[in-house]
Amino acid sequence: MFTGIVRQRGQVVSVREGRLVVETAVDAAVGDSVSIGGACLTVVDVERGRLAFDVHPETVSRVKAFTGQVNVEPALQAGDPLGGHYVQGHVDGVGRVRSVDAEGEGRRVWIEAPSDVLRYCVEKGSVTADGVSLTIAALDDSGFAVALVPHTLEVTTLGTLAPGDEVNLEADVLAKYVERLASPH
């Protein structure tokens, strides 16, 4: 489990034959779970500041391509602060940036979201984009807006977003459970 409070970025070194290698300062050991761009992956090798992960075709089918810089978050440890929100690292879909507008010192970013993600979105609710915990500032029929503060723009990859860019999205897991419990079986 993760919080979506991303403090590190990594650089994708390679993706070959189901093996992803990321250069990062995150301290991890073989067997640890690490969120890479919002996807929970298991470390299979550690060597000189590089973490390797086996990426299953199921993961590849659900996430944007692993390229360039990625947000990196180690799994939550017992006793860690619970900032952000409960994040599983299970990407629900890929969204596309509709617009990026300056707003004071920050930015407002509109993201087109698949309907199976958008159904769980509520204004002032939580969503994860590329592994970053965000609050939904506004909604419409095809997407949602998030307000990004300068710190988020500086520390995460979200500061480089431009219209047309893809982002990995994870809906709030609590909304999924509420829907399941409220639906007749």
C-alpha atoms as a PDB file:
ATOM      1  CA  MET A   1       0.000   0.000   0.000  1.00  0.00           C
ATOM      2  CA  PHE A   2       1.094   3.569  -0.739  1.00  0.00           C
ATOM      3  CA  THR A   3      -0.023   7.090   0.161  1.00  0.00           C
ATOM      4  CA  GLY A   4       0.575   8.877  -3.141  1.00  0.00           C
ATOM      5  CA  ILE A   5       2.959  11.312  -1.435  1.00  0.00           C
ATOM      6  CA  VAL A   6       5.760  11.094  -3.979  1.00  0.00           C
ATOM      7  CA  ARG A   7       9.138  12.484  -2.923  1.00  0.00           C
ATOM      8  CA  GLN A   8      11.378  10.869  -5.529  1.00  0.00           C
ATOM      9  CA  ARG A   9      11.607  10.601  -9.269  1.00  0.00           C
ATOM     10  CA  GLY A  10      13.436   7.930 -11.188  1.00  0.00           C
ATOM     11  CA  GLN A  11      14.659   7.523 -14.736  1.00  0.00           C
ATOM     12  CA  VAL A  12      13.625   4.554 -16.857  1.00  0.00           C
ATOM     13  CA  VAL A  13      16.861   2.953 -18.052  1.00  0.00           C
ATOM     14  CA  SER A  14      15.368   0.110 -20.071  1.00  0.00           C
ATOM     15  CA  VAL A  15      12.296  -1.983 -20.756  1.00  0.00           C
ATOM     16  CA  ARG A  16      13.174  -5.274 -22.427  1.00  0.00           C
ATOM     17  CA  GLU A  17      11.556  -8.700 -22.488  1.00  0.00           C
ATOM     18  CA  GLY A  18       9.291  -7.971 -19.525  1.00  0.00           C
ATOM     19  CA  ARG A  19      12.058  -6.421 -17.390  1.00  0.00           C
ATOM     20  CA  LEU A  20      11.895  -2.752 -16.355  1.00  0.00           C
ATOM     21  CA  VAL A  21      15.010  -1.071 -14.943  1.00  0.00           C
ATOM     22  CA  VAL A  22      14.730   2.290 -13.156  1.00  0.00           C
ATOM     23  CA  GLU A  23      17.557   4.441 -11.816  1.00  0.00           C
ATOM     24  CA  THR A  24      16.470   5.955  -8.493  1.00  0.00           C
ATOM     25  CA  ALA A  25      17.709   7.035  -5.068  1.00  0.00           C
ATOM     26  CA  VAL A  26      14.912   5.035  -3.393  1.00  0.00           C
ATOM     27  CA  ASP A  27      16.377   2.445  -1.049  1.00  0.00           C
ATOM     28  CA  ALA A  28      14.731  -0.910  -1.719  1.00  0.00           C
ATOM     29  CA  ALA A  29      15.563  -4.601  -1.476  1.00  0.00           C
ATOM     30  CA  VAL A  30      14.595  -7.601  -3.562  1.00  0.00           C
ATOM     31  CA  GLY A  31      10.972  -8.464  -2.803  1.00  0.00           C
ATOM     32  CA  ASP A  32       9.948  -4.911  -1.846  1.00  0.00           C
ATOM     33  CA  SER A  33       6.913  -3.278  -3.438  1.00  0.00           C
ATOM     34  CA  VAL A  34       7.593   0.059  -5.108  1.00  0.00           C
ATOM     35  CA  SER A  35       5.182   2.321  -6.996  1.00  0.00           C
ATOM     36  CA  ILE A  36       6.599   3.234 -10.399  1.00  0.00           C
ATOM     37  CA  GLY A  37       4.454   5.845 -12.128  1.00  0.00           C
ATOM     38  CA  GLY A  38       1.513   4.649 -10.048  1.00  0.00           C
ATOM     39  CA  ALA A  39       1.937   0.926 -10.723  1.00  0.00           C
ATOM     40  CA  CYS A  40       2.844  -1.356  -7.809  1.00  0.00           C
ATOM     41  CA  LEU A  41       5.807  -3.488  -8.864  1.00  0.00           C
ATOM     42  CA  THR A  42       8.050  -5.954  -7.022  1.00  0.00           C
ATOM     43  CA  VAL A  43      11.811  -5.402  -6.940  1.00  0.00           C
ATOM     44  CA  VAL A  44      13.613  -8.409  -8.458  1.00  0.00           C
ATOM     45  CA  ASP A  45      17.144  -6.998  -8.588  1.00  0.00           C
ATOM     46  CA  VAL A  46      19.091  -4.098  -7.062  1.00  0.00           C
ATOM     47  CA  GLU A  47      22.379  -2.911  -8.512  1.00  0.00           C
ATOM     48  CA  ARG A  48      24.220   0.434  -8.187  1.00  0.00           C
ATOM     49  CA  GLY A  49      21.197   2.724  -7.746  1.00  0.00           C
ATOM     50  CA  ARG A  50      19.068   0.773 -10.170  1.00  0.00           C
ATOM     51  CA  LEU A  51      15.980  -1.251  -9.358  1.00  0.00           C
ATOM     52  CA  ALA A  52      14.731  -3.977 -11.698  1.00  0.00           C
ATOM     53  CA  PHE A  53      11.142  -5.209 -11.927  1.00  0.00           C
ATOM     54  CA  ASP A  54       9.458  -7.978 -13.887  1.00  0.00           C
ATOM     55  CA  VAL A  55       6.467  -6.426 -15.643  1.00  0.00           C
ATOM     56  CA  HIS A  56       3.625  -8.834 -16.409  1.00  0.00           C
ATOM     57  CA  PRO A  57       1.626  -8.419 -19.649  1.00  0.00           C
ATOM     58  CA  GLU A  58      -1.431  -7.639 -17.445  1.00  0.00           C
ATOM     59  CA  THR A  59       0.377  -4.565 -16.106  1.00  0.00           C
ATOM     60  CA  VAL A  60       1.585  -3.506 -19.553  1.00  0.00           C
ATOM     61  CA  SER A  61      -1.994  -3.691 -20.858  1.00  0.00           C
ATOM     62  CA  ARG A  62      -3.258  -1.287 -18.175  1.00  0.00           C
ATOM     63  CA  VAL A  63      -0.574   1.406 -17.917  1.00  0.00           C
ATOM     64  CA  LYS A  64       0.983   4.019 -20.153  1.00  0.00           C
ATOM     65  CA  ALA A  65       4.393   3.088 -21.511  1.00  0.00           C
ATOM     66  CA  PHE A  66       7.278   3.164 -19.031  1.00  0.00           C
ATOM     67  CA  THR A  67       9.543   5.889 -20.465  1.00  0.00           C
ATOM     68  CA  GLY A  68      11.501   8.909 -19.295  1.00  0.00           C
ATOM     69  CA  GLN A  69      11.122  10.128 -15.732  1.00  0.00           C
ATOM     70  CA  VAL A  70       8.707   8.347 -13.399  1.00  0.00           C
ATOM     71  CA  ASN A  71       7.378   9.025  -9.913  1.00  0.00           C
ATOM     72  CA  VAL A  72       8.773   6.525  -7.394  1.00  0.00           C
ATOM     73  CA  GLU A  73       7.310   5.749  -3.962  1.00  0.00           C
ATOM     74  CA  PRO A  74       8.367   2.909  -1.664  1.00  0.00           C
ATOM     75  CA  ALA A  75       5.576   0.964   0.030  1.00  0.00           C
ATOM     76  CA  LEU A  76       4.134   2.316   3.250  1.00  0.00           C
ATOM     77  CA  GLN A  77       5.817   0.906   6.365  1.00  0.00           C
ATOM     78  CA  ALA A  78       4.131   0.425   9.748  1.00  0.00           C
ATOM     79  CA  GLY A  79       4.403   3.705  11.648  1.00  0.00           C
ATOM     80  CA  ASP A  80       4.851   5.885   8.531  1.00  0.00           C
ATOM     81  CA  PRO A  81       2.703   9.050   8.357  1.00  0.00           C
ATOM     82  CA  LEU A  82      -0.560   8.553   6.457  1.00  0.00           C
ATOM     83  CA  GLY A  83      -0.588  11.641   4.233  1.00  0.00           C
ATOM     84  CA  GLY A  84      -2.295  11.490   0.859  1.00  0.00           C
ATOM     85  CA  HIS A  85      -4.869   8.683   0.659  1.00  0.00           C
ATOM     86  CA  TYR A  86      -4.930   4.888   0.469  1.00  0.00           C
ATOM     87  CA  VAL A  87      -3.275   4.003  -2.834  1.00  0.00           C
ATOM     88  CA  GLN A  88      -2.914   0.408  -3.983  1.00  0.00           C
ATOM     89  CA  GLY A  89      -0.774   0.926  -7.048  1.00  0.00           C
ATOM     90  CA  HIS A  90      -3.420  -0.834  -9.162  1.00  0.00           C
ATOM     91  CA  VAL A  91      -3.810   1.384 -12.222  1.00  0.00           C
ATOM     92  CA  ASP A  92      -7.466   1.521 -13.268  1.00  0.00           C
ATOM     93  CA  GLY A  93      -6.924   3.242 -16.585  1.00  0.00           C
ATOM     94  CA  VAL A  94      -4.945   5.728 -18.604  1.00  0.00           C
ATOM     95  CA  GLY A  95      -6.149   9.313 -18.867  1.00  0.00           C
ATOM     96  CA  ARG A  96      -5.122  12.079 -21.244  1.00  0.00           C
ATOM     97  CA  VAL A  97      -4.330  15.669 -20.275  1.00  0.00           C
ATOM     98  CA  ARG A  98      -6.918  18.001 -21.813  1.00  0.00           C
ATOM     99  CA  SER A  99      -5.431  21.307 -20.656  1.00  0.00           C
ATOM    100  CA  VAL A 100      -2.851  22.843 -18.340  1.00  0.00           C
ATOM    101  CA  ASP A 101      -3.454  26.400 -17.128  1.00  0.00           C
ATOM    102  CA  ALA A 102      -1.482  28.614 -14.772  1.00  0.00           C
ATOM    103  CA  GLU A 103      -3.421  29.363 -11.605  1.00  0.00           C
ATOM    104  CA  GLY A 104      -1.580  31.613  -9.183  1.00  0.00           C
ATOM    105  CA  GLU A 105       1.738  29.916  -8.410  1.00  0.00           C
ATOM    106  CA  GLY A 106       0.305  26.520  -9.346  1.00  0.00           C
ATOM    107  CA  ARG A 107      -1.550  24.967 -12.269  1.00  0.00           C
ATOM    108  CA  ARG A 108      -4.998  23.580 -12.970  1.00  0.00           C
ATOM    109  CA  VAL A 109      -4.826  20.399 -15.025  1.00  0.00           C
ATOM    110  CA  TRP A 110      -7.881  18.873 -16.702  1.00  0.00           C
ATOM    111  CA  ILE A 111      -7.629  15.139 -17.383  1.00  0.00           C
ATOM    112  CA  GLU A 112      -9.910  13.151 -19.689  1.00  0.00           C
ATOM    113  CA  ALA A 113     -10.649   9.919 -17.835  1.00  0.00           C
ATOM    114  CA  PRO A 114     -12.114   6.578 -18.890  1.00  0.00           C
ATOM    115  CA  SER A 115     -15.693   6.111 -17.688  1.00  0.00           C
ATOM    116  CA  ASP A 116     -14.653   3.231 -15.409  1.00  0.00           C
ATOM    117  CA  VAL A 117     -12.433   5.697 -13.493  1.00  0.00           C
ATOM    118  CA  LEU A 118     -14.683   8.748 -13.761  1.00  0.00           C
ATOM    119  CA  ARG A 119     -17.583   6.878 -12.125  1.00  0.00           C
ATOM    120  CA  TYR A 120     -15.641   6.906  -8.830  1.00  0.00           C
ATOM    121  CA  CYS A 121     -14.680  10.575  -8.971  1.00  0.00           C
ATOM    122  CA  VAL A 122     -16.363  13.201  -6.806  1.00  0.00           C
ATOM    123  CA  GLU A 123     -15.469  16.841  -6.270  1.00  0.00           C
ATOM    124  CA  LYS A 124     -13.042  17.100  -3.321  1.00  0.00           C
ATOM    125  CA  GLY A 125     -12.515  13.343  -3.518  1.00  0.00           C
ATOM    126  CA  SER A 126      -9.204  11.580  -4.120  1.00  0.00           C
ATOM    127  CA  VAL A 127      -7.620  10.302  -7.295  1.00  0.00           C
ATOM    128  CA  THR A 128      -4.104   9.220  -8.173  1.00  0.00           C
ATOM    129  CA  ALA A 129      -2.321  10.398 -11.336  1.00  0.00           C
ATOM    130  CA  ASP A 130       1.032   8.761 -12.114  1.00  0.00           C
ATOM    131  CA  GLY A 131       1.176   7.666  -8.479  1.00  0.00           C
ATOM    132  CA  VAL A 132       0.538  11.132  -6.997  1.00  0.00           C
ATOM    133  CA  SER A 133      -2.360  11.573  -4.549  1.00  0.00           C
ATOM    134  CA  LEU A 134      -4.528  14.454  -5.726  1.00  0.00           C
ATOM    135  CA  THR A 135      -7.790  16.144  -4.783  1.00  0.00           C
ATOM    136  CA  ILE A 136     -10.402  16.537  -7.507  1.00  0.00           C
ATOM    137  CA  ALA A 137     -11.151  20.255  -7.926  1.00  0.00           C
ATOM    138  CA  ALA A 138     -13.886  19.973 -10.576  1.00  0.00           C
ATOM    139  CA  LEU A 139     -15.708  17.400 -12.721  1.00  0.00           C
ATOM    140  CA  ASP A 140     -17.489  17.288 -16.043  1.00  0.00           C
ATOM    141  CA  ASP A 141     -18.908  14.472 -18.209  1.00  0.00           C
ATOM    142  CA  SER A 142     -15.540  13.370 -19.581  1.00  0.00           C
ATOM    143  CA  GLY A 143     -12.936  14.240 -16.994  1.00  0.00           C
ATOM    144  CA  PHE A 144     -11.804  16.038 -13.892  1.00  0.00           C
ATOM    145  CA  ALA A 145      -9.534  18.903 -12.876  1.00  0.00           C
ATOM    146  CA  VAL A 146      -6.828  18.898 -10.231  1.00  0.00           C
ATOM    147  CA  ALA A 147      -5.089  21.924  -8.750  1.00  0.00           C
ATOM    148  CA  LEU A 148      -1.338  21.390  -8.510  1.00  0.00           C
ATOM    149  CA  VAL A 149       0.653  23.398  -5.964  1.00  0.00           C
ATOM    150  CA  PRO A 150       4.260  24.475  -6.672  1.00  0.00           C
ATOM    151  CA  HIS A 151       5.730  21.724  -4.443  1.00  0.00           C
ATOM    152  CA  THR A 152       3.940  18.989  -6.422  1.00  0.00           C
ATOM    153  CA  LEU A 153       5.033  20.585  -9.697  1.00  0.00           C
ATOM    154  CA  GLU A 154       8.659  20.601  -8.531  1.00  0.00           C
ATOM    155  CA  VAL A 155       8.955  17.201  -6.832  1.00  0.00           C
ATOM    156  CA  THR A 156       6.897  14.992  -9.190  1.00  0.00           C
ATOM    157  CA  THR A 157       6.702  14.453 -12.926  1.00  0.00           C
ATOM    158  CA  LEU A 158       3.350  16.290 -12.996  1.00  0.00           C
ATOM    159  CA  GLY A 159       5.213  19.585 -13.456  1.00  0.00           C
ATOM    160  CA  THR A 160       6.045  18.557 -17.024  1.00  0.00           C
ATOM    161  CA  LEU A 161       2.493  17.665 -18.106  1.00  0.00           C
ATOM    162  CA  ALA A 162       1.237  19.116 -21.371  1.00  0.00           C
ATOM    163  CA  PRO A 163      -2.012  18.674 -23.314  1.00  0.00           C
ATOM    164  CA  GLY A 164      -2.134  15.236 -24.927  1.00  0.00           C
ATOM    165  CA  ASP A 165       0.139  13.561 -22.357  1.00  0.00           C
ATOM    166  CA  GLU A 166      -1.034  10.277 -20.853  1.00  0.00           C
ATOM    167  CA  VAL A 167      -1.276   9.642 -17.105  1.00  0.00           C
ATOM    168  CA  ASN A 168      -1.876   6.456 -15.129  1.00  0.00           C
ATOM    169  CA  LEU A 169      -5.049   6.821 -13.061  1.00  0.00           C
ATOM    170  CA  GLU A 170      -6.181   5.010  -9.939  1.00  0.00           C
ATOM    171  CA  ALA A 171      -9.619   5.712  -8.508  1.00  0.00           C
ATOM    172  CA  ASP A 172     -10.122   5.872  -4.758  1.00  0.00           C
ATOM    173  CA  VAL A 173     -10.385   2.254  -3.548  1.00  0.00           C
ATOM    174  CA  LEU A 174     -12.902   3.225  -0.851  1.00  0.00           C
ATOM    175  CA  ALA A 175     -15.363   4.347  -3.558  1.00  0.00           C
ATOM    176  CA  LYS A 176     -15.012   0.953  -5.245  1.00  0.00           C
ATOM    177  CA  TYR A 177     -15.862  -0.866  -2.015  1.00  0.00           C
ATOM    178  CA  VAL A 178     -18.852   1.387  -1.324  1.00  0.00           C
ATOM    179  CA  GLU A 179     -20.202   0.657  -4.817  1.00  0.00           C
ATOM    180  CA  ARG A 180     -19.705  -3.082  -4.390  1.00  0.00           C
ATOM    181  CA  LEU A 181     -21.335  -3.172  -0.955  1.00  0.00           C
ATOM    182  CA  ALA A 182     -24.274  -1.032  -2.083  1.00  0.00           C
ATOM    183  CA  SER A 183     -25.011  -3.054  -5.226  1.00  0.00           C
ATOM    184  CA  PRO A 184     -27.368  -6.041  -5.137  1.00  0.00           C
ATOM    185  CA  HIS A 185     -25.628  -9.366  -5.696  1.00  0.00           C
END
